[in-house]
Amino acid sequence: MRLNTNAIVGNILRGRSIKTSVLRGLASSGLSGIWRSLAVGMLGGMTVADVYLTNHGTGERIALSWVPEKISVKEAAQFQSYSIIERGEVKVPKGKRLSAVSWEAVFPGEGRTEASFVKSQHWQEPNEIIGRIQRWKDAGNKLHLLITQTSVNMDVYIDSFDYSFEGGAGDAKYSISFIAAEDLHIKTVKEADAEKAAQQKSGIPELSTRASLPPETSSVSTEGQTLWSVAEQKLGDGARWAEIYAMNRDKVVDADALKAGTKLKLPA
């Protein structure tokens, strides 16, 4: 792996100290998490963010002992109105965009607790954390996600959670994604029926009776578009970018920087 010497020299020329410049160079280098953390520790360390996940209902909290290096935050697709039989009619205002947060990291085993890159005061047995997160996900619990030194301070639901045990240190590698929690306007079946009856009495046709346009089968990309933005615009869900990619592997070189004028096939 190559240290980002250009970044180090540039920061020194801007008046920053040699130590700060080297730390910034490490941050933009290709060093893996463990080696980068060790190098930072040898240089006297840098402030590392904390990640806290708190269950609104029970007050239980998880503080990550191994902080992920990279956290992705994206805008999710527009939420639509839909019905849930058990809960009545649920409506979410259209046009509302929710943030999605995700990362990949490791729950370190007990053998790692003395490592410089592990916050030992936050360490918990990987099986215990995995079990708790899985229960929260299955129950659909609302959580609060706080990542210090970033703007991420929000209520969320767990969207996906996958893990595997690797190596001989008891580590559990995992990936997790969240969707921002949005207050839902929930009506009882009785209230929904009363609203429909009033609508019919007023002579206003229901939206469901209006003819809908046939789905688009193709799209031509413009400058600056990504597969995520195309899926969000054309399919109503940015997370469906992988479906578009699967149908256009021969045309897409970089999913995050589409070439203008690329004609893409769209899934039904």
Foldseek 3Di string as FASTA:
>chain_A
DDFQVVQLVVVVVVPDDNLVSSLVSLLPDPDDDQVSLVVQVVSVHDDAKWKKKAFPPPRDIAIFQQDFSDKDKDKWFWDAWDADVVFGTWGDDTPDIWMKIKGKDKLFAPQCLVRSNTNNVRHDQPVVVVVVLVVQQVVQTWMFIDIPPDPRTAIWTWPDKDWDADDDRNMIIIMTMIIGDDDIDTDHNVVVVVVVVVCVVVVNDDPVPDDDDDADFKDFDAFQDALLVCCCVRVRTSVCSVVQCVQPVVQDDDRRGHDGGGMTTDDD
